Amino acid sequence: MDVTKIRQQWKSKCFSFGIFRDPPGRVWLDFSHSTDELVILAEGQIVIEVAGQIHRPVIGEEIFIPAQPIHTVRHFGTVPNVWYYG
């Protein structure tokens, strides 16, 4: 994946760009934000639950999380993962 290209694409849509690196078993439980979000899995395995809807993204797949709904990201793999957020 071309991180520079993703960053530029997100910037053109008025999204920021950050990188999370998580150990196996990490859970980001019940978050809600006032702005829309984008997430792309770069390495590993995650499950994203948004307002009761389950997403199991493959590496490189972009997931849109609208503003306000409760969402959770679970790392269920056995190796560290990396995901981009904006």
Protein backbone atom coordinates (compact mmCIF):
# COMPACT_ATOMS: atom_id res chain seq x y z
CA MET A 1 0.00 0.00 0.00
CA ASP A 2 1.18 3.48 -0.83
CA VAL A 3 0.84 5.44 2.44
CA THR A 4 1.64 8.74 0.71
CA LYS A 5 -1.14 8.19 -1.83
CA ILE A 6 -3.67 7.28 0.89
CA ARG A 7 -2.69 10.35 2.92
CA GLN A 8 -3.14 12.58 -0.16
CA GLN A 9 -6.49 11.02 -1.06
CA TRP A 10 -7.79 11.47 2.47
CA LYS A 11 -6.52 15.05 2.61
CA SER A 12 -8.43 15.81 -0.61
CA LYS A 13 -11.58 14.56 1.22
CA CYS A 14 -10.73 16.70 4.29
CA PHE A 15 -9.68 13.74 6.46
CA SER A 16 -6.62 13.61 8.68
CA PHE A 17 -4.24 10.62 8.61
CA GLY A 18 -2.79 8.64 11.50
CA ILE A 19 -1.35 5.19 12.14
CA PHE A 20 -2.20 2.81 14.99
CA ARG A 21 -0.05 -0.17 15.86
CA ASP A 22 -1.76 -2.58 18.23
CA PRO A 23 -0.69 -5.75 20.04
CA PRO A 24 -2.78 -8.91 19.74
CA GLY A 25 -5.98 -8.74 21.76
CA ARG A 26 -6.27 -4.93 21.79
CA VAL A 27 -9.86 -3.63 21.87
CA TRP A 28 -10.99 -0.04 21.27
CA LEU A 29 -14.42 -0.33 22.91
CA ASP A 30 -17.53 1.81 22.39
CA PHE A 31 -16.16 4.99 20.84
CA SER A 32 -18.24 7.76 19.32
CA HIS A 33 -16.91 10.80 17.50
CA SER A 34 -18.43 14.04 16.26
CA THR A 35 -16.80 13.66 12.82
CA ASP A 36 -16.81 10.98 10.12
CA GLU A 37 -13.86 8.57 10.13
CA LEU A 38 -12.02 6.36 7.67
CA VAL A 39 -10.09 3.21 8.59
CA ILE A 40 -7.83 1.03 6.43
CA LEU A 41 -6.29 -2.19 7.70
CA ALA A 42 -2.61 -2.33 6.67
CA GLU A 43 -1.42 -5.44 8.58
CA GLY A 44 -3.07 -8.06 10.77
CA GLN A 45 -6.73 -8.78 11.46
CA ILE A 46 -9.44 -6.57 12.95
CA VAL A 47 -13.19 -6.54 13.34
CA ILE A 48 -14.98 -3.20 13.30
CA GLU A 49 -18.49 -2.97 14.73
CA VAL A 50 -20.43 0.18 13.86
CA ALA A 51 -23.92 0.58 15.33
CA GLY A 52 -24.32 -3.21 15.43
CA GLN A 53 -23.01 -3.81 11.89
CA ILE A 54 -19.89 -6.03 11.69
CA HIS A 55 -17.04 -5.38 9.23
CA ARG A 56 -14.09 -7.75 8.75
CA PRO A 57 -11.88 -5.71 6.44
CA VAL A 58 -9.18 -7.29 4.34
CA ILE A 59 -5.84 -5.54 4.08
CA GLY A 60 -6.25 -2.37 2.02
CA GLU A 61 -10.03 -2.13 2.40
CA GLU A 62 -11.35 1.28 3.44
CA ILE A 63 -14.14 1.37 6.02
CA PHE A 64 -16.25 4.52 6.53
CA ILE A 65 -17.49 5.22 10.06
CA PRO A 66 -20.09 7.99 10.15
CA ALA A 67 -20.11 10.59 12.90
CA GLN A 68 -21.98 9.73 16.13
CA PRO A 69 -22.63 5.93 16.09
CA ILE A 70 -20.93 3.83 18.76
CA HIS A 71 -18.14 1.74 17.25
CA THR A 72 -15.59 -0.80 18.45
CA VAL A 73 -12.38 -2.09 16.86
CA ARG A 74 -11.14 -5.51 17.96
CA HIS A 75 -7.78 -7.00 17.07
CA PHE A 76 -8.34 -10.74 17.01
CA GLY A 77 -5.12 -11.92 15.35
CA THR A 78 -2.00 -13.42 16.93
CA VAL A 79 0.50 -10.89 15.57
CA PRO A 80 0.60 -7.09 15.92
CA ASN A 81 -1.57 -5.14 13.50
CA VAL A 82 -1.39 -1.77 11.79
CA TRP A 83 -4.33 0.32 10.68
CA TYR A 84 -4.69 3.81 9.29
CA TYR A 85 -7.35 6.18 10.56
CA GLY A 86 -8.52 9.61 9.57
